[in-house]
């Protein structure tokens, strides 16, 4: 579903369905990267890997 939303960024209904399926905050994975250039790079890498299904 997330790959569809990425490919069809104007499909608001698909985006809303994706958001509705997310885990509750109590089950979410929280990342606490420092607000530095290196921390931002690490955060971008984690997001890239999540989007690509590597994590």
PDB file of N, CA and C in Angstrom:
ATOM      1  N   UNK A   1       0.817  -1.199   0.000  1.00  0.00           N
ATOM      2  CA  UNK A   1       0.000   0.000   0.000  1.00  0.00           C
ATOM      3  C   UNK A   1       0.856   1.256   0.000  1.00  0.00           C
ATOM      4  N   UNK A   2       1.948   1.265   0.779  1.00  0.00           N
ATOM      5  CA  UNK A   2       2.759   2.480   0.830  1.00  0.00           C
ATOM      6  C   UNK A   2       3.410   2.771  -0.516  1.00  0.00           C
ATOM      7  N   UNK A   3       3.775   1.737  -1.269  1.00  0.00           N
ATOM      8  CA  UNK A   3       4.366   1.990  -2.587  1.00  0.00           C
ATOM      9  C   UNK A   3       3.327   2.608  -3.519  1.00  0.00           C
ATOM     10  N   UNK A   4       2.064   2.208  -3.382  1.00  0.00           N
ATOM     11  CA  UNK A   4       1.002   2.804  -4.185  1.00  0.00           C
ATOM     12  C   UNK A   4       0.867   4.288  -3.846  1.00  0.00           C
ATOM     13  N   UNK A   5       0.862   4.594  -2.552  1.00  0.00           N
ATOM     14  CA  UNK A   5       0.715   5.985  -2.125  1.00  0.00           C
ATOM     15  C   UNK A   5       1.894   6.819  -2.629  1.00  0.00           C
ATOM     16  N   UNK A   6       3.093   6.255  -2.587  1.00  0.00           N
ATOM     17  CA  UNK A   6       4.254   6.983  -3.096  1.00  0.00           C
ATOM     18  C   UNK A   6       4.135   7.235  -4.595  1.00  0.00           C
ATOM     19  N   UNK A   7       3.596   6.285  -5.321  1.00  0.00           N
ATOM     20  CA  UNK A   7       3.456   6.427  -6.772  1.00  0.00           C
ATOM     21  C   UNK A   7       2.267   7.305  -7.161  1.00  0.00           C
ATOM     22  N   UNK A   8       1.281   7.430  -6.263  1.00  0.00           N
ATOM     23  CA  UNK A   8       0.061   8.198  -6.549  1.00  0.00           C
ATOM     24  C   UNK A   8      -0.155   9.223  -5.437  1.00  0.00           C
ATOM     25  N   UNK A   9       0.736  10.159  -5.346  1.00  0.00           N
ATOM     26  CA  UNK A   9       0.743  11.119  -4.236  1.00  0.00           C
ATOM     27  C   UNK A   9      -0.503  11.994  -4.168  1.00  0.00           C
ATOM     28  N   UNK A  10      -1.268  12.088  -5.226  1.00  0.00           N
ATOM     29  CA  UNK A  10      -2.486  12.902  -5.213  1.00  0.00           C
ATOM     30  C   UNK A  10      -3.722  12.119  -4.783  1.00  0.00           C
ATOM     31  N   UNK A  11      -3.579  10.836  -4.529  1.00  0.00           N
ATOM     32  CA  UNK A  11      -4.716  10.001  -4.131  1.00  0.00           C
ATOM     33  C   UNK A  11      -4.920  10.127  -2.614  1.00  0.00           C
ATOM     34  N   UNK A  12      -5.727  11.112  -2.228  1.00  0.00           N
ATOM     35  CA  UNK A  12      -5.928  11.394  -0.801  1.00  0.00           C
ATOM     36  C   UNK A  12      -6.606  10.236  -0.071  1.00  0.00           C
ATOM     37  N   UNK A  13      -7.515   9.542  -0.731  1.00  0.00           N
ATOM     38  CA  UNK A  13      -8.200   8.414  -0.091  1.00  0.00           C
ATOM     39  C   UNK A  13      -7.200   7.309   0.261  1.00  0.00           C
ATOM     40  N   UNK A  14      -6.288   7.014  -0.637  1.00  0.00           N
ATOM     41  CA  UNK A  14      -5.273   5.991  -0.366  1.00  0.00           C
ATOM     42  C   UNK A  14      -4.386   6.413   0.804  1.00  0.00           C
ATOM     43  N   UNK A  15      -4.037   7.691   0.855  1.00  0.00           N
ATOM     44  CA  UNK A  15      -3.225   8.196   1.961  1.00  0.00           C
ATOM     45  C   UNK A  15      -3.965   8.043   3.290  1.00  0.00           C
ATOM     46  N   UNK A  16      -5.244   8.370   3.314  1.00  0.00           N
ATOM     47  CA  UNK A  16      -6.041   8.248   4.532  1.00  0.00           C
ATOM     48  C   UNK A  16      -6.143   6.792   4.989  1.00  0.00           C
ATOM     49  N   UNK A  17      -6.275   5.859   4.056  1.00  0.00           N
ATOM     50  CA  UNK A  17      -6.320   4.432   4.394  1.00  0.00           C
ATOM     51  C   UNK A  17      -4.983   4.004   4.989  1.00  0.00           C
ATOM     52  N   UNK A  18      -3.892   4.458   4.395  1.00  0.00           N
ATOM     53  CA  UNK A  18      -2.566   4.123   4.905  1.00  0.00           C
ATOM     54  C   UNK A  18      -2.386   4.638   6.331  1.00  0.00           C
ATOM     55  N   UNK A  19      -2.767   5.863   6.586  1.00  0.00           N
ATOM     56  CA  UNK A  19      -2.642   6.448   7.926  1.00  0.00           C
ATOM     57  C   UNK A  19      -3.521   5.696   8.924  1.00  0.00           C
ATOM     58  N   UNK A  20      -4.711   5.298   8.518  1.00  0.00           N
ATOM     59  CA  UNK A  20      -5.615   4.577   9.411  1.00  0.00           C
ATOM     60  C   UNK A  20      -5.050   3.221   9.823  1.00  0.00           C
ATOM     61  N   UNK A  21      -4.170   2.662   9.004  1.00  0.00           N
ATOM     62  CA  UNK A  21      -3.589   1.343   9.288  1.00  0.00           C
ATOM     63  C   UNK A  21      -2.352   1.407  10.169  1.00  0.00           C
ATOM     64  N   UNK A  22      -1.882   2.608  10.481  1.00  0.00           N
ATOM     65  CA  UNK A  22      -0.640   2.713  11.245  1.00  0.00           C
ATOM     66  C   UNK A  22      -0.812   2.146  12.654  1.00  0.00           C
ATOM     67  N   UNK A  23       0.290   1.805  13.253  1.00  0.00           N
ATOM     68  CA  UNK A  23       0.278   1.271  14.611  1.00  0.00           C
ATOM     69  C   UNK A  23      -0.059   2.384  15.595  1.00  0.00           C
ATOM     70  N   UNK A  24      -0.727   2.041  16.689  1.00  0.00           N
ATOM     71  CA  UNK A  24      -0.948   3.056  17.730  1.00  0.00           C
ATOM     72  C   UNK A  24       0.403   3.502  18.293  1.00  0.00           C
ATOM     73  N   UNK A  25       0.446   4.702  18.852  1.00  0.00           N
ATOM     74  CA  UNK A  25       1.704   5.217  19.395  1.00  0.00           C
ATOM     75  C   UNK A  25       2.339   4.264  20.393  1.00  0.00           C
ATOM     76  N   UNK A  26       1.530   3.528  21.144  1.00  0.00           N
ATOM     77  CA  UNK A  26       2.081   2.611  22.137  1.00  0.00           C
ATOM     78  C   UNK A  26       2.860   1.462  21.498  1.00  0.00           C
ATOM     79  N   UNK A  27       2.611   1.185  20.225  1.00  0.00           N
ATOM     80  CA  UNK A  27       3.308   0.111  19.512  1.00  0.00           C
ATOM     81  C   UNK A  27       4.330   0.642  18.511  1.00  0.00           C
ATOM     82  N   UNK A  28       4.406   1.942  18.380  1.00  0.00           N
ATOM     83  CA  UNK A  28       5.285   2.557  17.382  1.00  0.00           C
ATOM     84  C   UNK A  28       6.747   2.447  17.797  1.00  0.00           C
ATOM     85  N   UNK A  29       7.611   2.473  16.810  1.00  0.00           N
ATOM     86  CA  UNK A  29       9.050   2.530  17.055  1.00  0.00           C
ATOM     87  C   UNK A  29       9.458   3.996  17.042  1.00  0.00           C
ATOM     88  N   UNK A  30      10.041   4.452  18.128  1.00  0.00           N
ATOM     89  CA  UNK A  30      10.464   5.844  18.233  1.00  0.00           C
ATOM     90  C   UNK A  30      11.971   5.920  18.060  1.00  0.00           C
ATOM     91  N   UNK A  31      12.416   6.826  17.240  1.00  0.00           N
ATOM     92  CA  UNK A  31      13.839   7.041  16.988  1.00  0.00           C
ATOM     93  C   UNK A  31      14.233   8.393  17.575  1.00  0.00           C
ATOM     94  N   UNK A  32      15.238   8.399  18.411  1.00  0.00           N
ATOM     95  CA  UNK A  32      15.682   9.636  19.061  1.00  0.00           C
ATOM     96  C   UNK A  32      17.070  10.018  18.556  1.00  0.00           C
ATOM     97  N   UNK A  33      17.114  10.554  17.352  1.00  0.00           N
ATOM     98  CA  UNK A  33      18.377  10.980  16.788  1.00  0.00           C
ATOM     99  C   UNK A  33      18.689  12.391  17.272  1.00  0.00           C
ATOM    100  N   UNK A  34      19.956  12.671  17.534  1.00  0.00           N
ATOM    101  CA  UNK A  34      20.314  14.033  17.926  1.00  0.00           C
ATOM    102  C   UNK A  34      20.089  14.993  16.759  1.00  0.00           C
ATOM    103  N   UNK A  35      19.761  16.229  17.082  1.00  0.00           N
ATOM    104  CA  UNK A  35      19.519  17.218  16.036  1.00  0.00           C
ATOM    105  C   UNK A  35      20.863  17.810  15.592  1.00  0.00           C
ATOM    106  N   UNK A  36      21.589  16.985  14.887  1.00  0.00           N
ATOM    107  CA  UNK A  36      22.872  17.371  14.309  1.00  0.00           C
ATOM    108  C   UNK A  36      22.849  16.935  12.852  1.00  0.00           C
ATOM    109  N   UNK A  37      23.845  17.351  12.104  1.00  0.00           N
ATOM    110  CA  UNK A  37      23.915  16.943  10.702  1.00  0.00           C
ATOM    111  C   UNK A  37      24.002  15.420  10.591  1.00  0.00           C
ATOM    112  N   UNK A  38      24.805  14.795  11.442  1.00  0.00           N
ATOM    113  CA  UNK A  38      24.936  13.333  11.429  1.00  0.00           C
ATOM    114  C   UNK A  38      23.624  12.667  11.855  1.00  0.00           C
ATOM    115  N   UNK A  39      22.953  13.205  12.860  1.00  0.00           N
ATOM    116  CA  UNK A  39      21.671  12.651  13.290  1.00  0.00           C
ATOM    117  C   UNK A  39      20.630  12.727  12.194  1.00  0.00           C
ATOM    118  N   UNK A  40      20.606  13.836  11.468  1.00  0.00           N
ATOM    119  CA  UNK A  40      19.674  13.990  10.358  1.00  0.00           C
ATOM    120  C   UNK A  40      19.971  12.983   9.252  1.00  0.00           C
ATOM    121  N   UNK A  41      21.261  12.760   8.973  1.00  0.00           N
ATOM    122  CA  UNK A  41      21.648  11.778   7.959  1.00  0.00           C
ATOM    123  C   UNK A  41      21.198  10.378   8.380  1.00  0.00           C
ATOM    124  N   UNK A  42      21.380  10.044   9.652  1.00  0.00           N
ATOM    125  CA  UNK A  42      20.971   8.731  10.144  1.00  0.00           C
ATOM    126  C   UNK A  42      19.456   8.571  10.042  1.00  0.00           C
ATOM    127  N   UNK A  43      18.723   9.623  10.387  1.00  0.00           N
ATOM    128  CA  UNK A  43      17.264   9.567  10.328  1.00  0.00           C
ATOM    129  C   UNK A  43      16.798   9.379   8.881  1.00  0.00           C
ATOM    130  N   UNK A  44      17.396  10.081   7.947  1.00  0.00           N
ATOM    131  CA  UNK A  44      17.033   9.922   6.541  1.00  0.00           C
ATOM    132  C   UNK A  44      17.307   8.498   6.063  1.00  0.00           C
ATOM    133  N   UNK A  45      18.397   7.911   6.517  1.00  0.00           N
ATOM    134  CA  UNK A  45      18.729   6.544   6.129  1.00  0.00           C
ATOM    135  C   UNK A  45      17.697   5.555   6.677  1.00  0.00           C
ATOM    136  N   UNK A  46      17.284   5.729   7.915  1.00  0.00           N
ATOM    137  CA  UNK A  46      16.262   4.848   8.494  1.00  0.00           C
ATOM    138  C   UNK A  46      14.962   4.991   7.715  1.00  0.00           C
ATOM    139  N   UNK A  47      14.551   6.223   7.413  1.00  0.00           N
ATOM    140  CA  UNK A  47      13.317   6.432   6.646  1.00  0.00           C
ATOM    141  C   UNK A  47      13.417   5.796   5.270  1.00  0.00           C
ATOM    142  N   UNK A  48      14.568   5.957   4.604  1.00  0.00           N
ATOM    143  CA  UNK A  48      14.749   5.362   3.285  1.00  0.00           C
ATOM    144  C   UNK A  48      14.611   3.848   3.356  1.00  0.00           C
ATOM    145  N   UNK A  49      15.227   3.242   4.363  1.00  0.00           N
ATOM    146  CA  UNK A  49      15.163   1.790   4.511  1.00  0.00           C
ATOM    147  C   UNK A  49      13.742   1.329   4.844  1.00  0.00           C
ATOM    148  N   UNK A  50      13.027   2.101   5.674  1.00  0.00           N
ATOM    149  CA  UNK A  50      11.632   1.755   5.991  1.00  0.00           C
ATOM    150  C   UNK A  50      10.759   1.817   4.743  1.00  0.00           C
ATOM    151  N   UNK A  51      10.909   2.873   3.974  1.00  0.00           N
ATOM    152  CA  UNK A  51      10.110   3.036   2.759  1.00  0.00           C
ATOM    153  C   UNK A  51      10.390   1.921   1.765  1.00  0.00           C
ATOM    154  N   UNK A  52      11.628   1.504   1.687  1.00  0.00           N
ATOM    155  CA  UNK A  52      12.010   0.436   0.746  1.00  0.00           C
ATOM    156  C   UNK A  52      11.769  -0.973   1.314  1.00  0.00           C
ATOM    157  N   UNK A  53      11.195  -1.058   2.515  1.00  0.00           N
ATOM    158  CA  UNK A  53      10.866  -2.363   3.089  1.00  0.00           C
ATOM    159  C   UNK A  53      12.060  -3.123   3.606  1.00  0.00           C
ATOM    160  N   UNK A  54      13.153  -2.435   3.893  1.00  0.00           N
ATOM    161  CA  UNK A  54      14.361  -3.086   4.370  1.00  0.00           C
ATOM    162  C   UNK A  54      14.365  -3.273   5.888  1.00  0.00           C
ATOM    163  N   UNK A  55      13.490  -2.594   6.579  1.00  0.00           N
ATOM    164  CA  UNK A  55      13.411  -2.713   8.050  1.00  0.00           C
ATOM    165  C   UNK A  55      12.080  -3.307   8.449  1.00  0.00           C
TER     166      UNK A  55
END
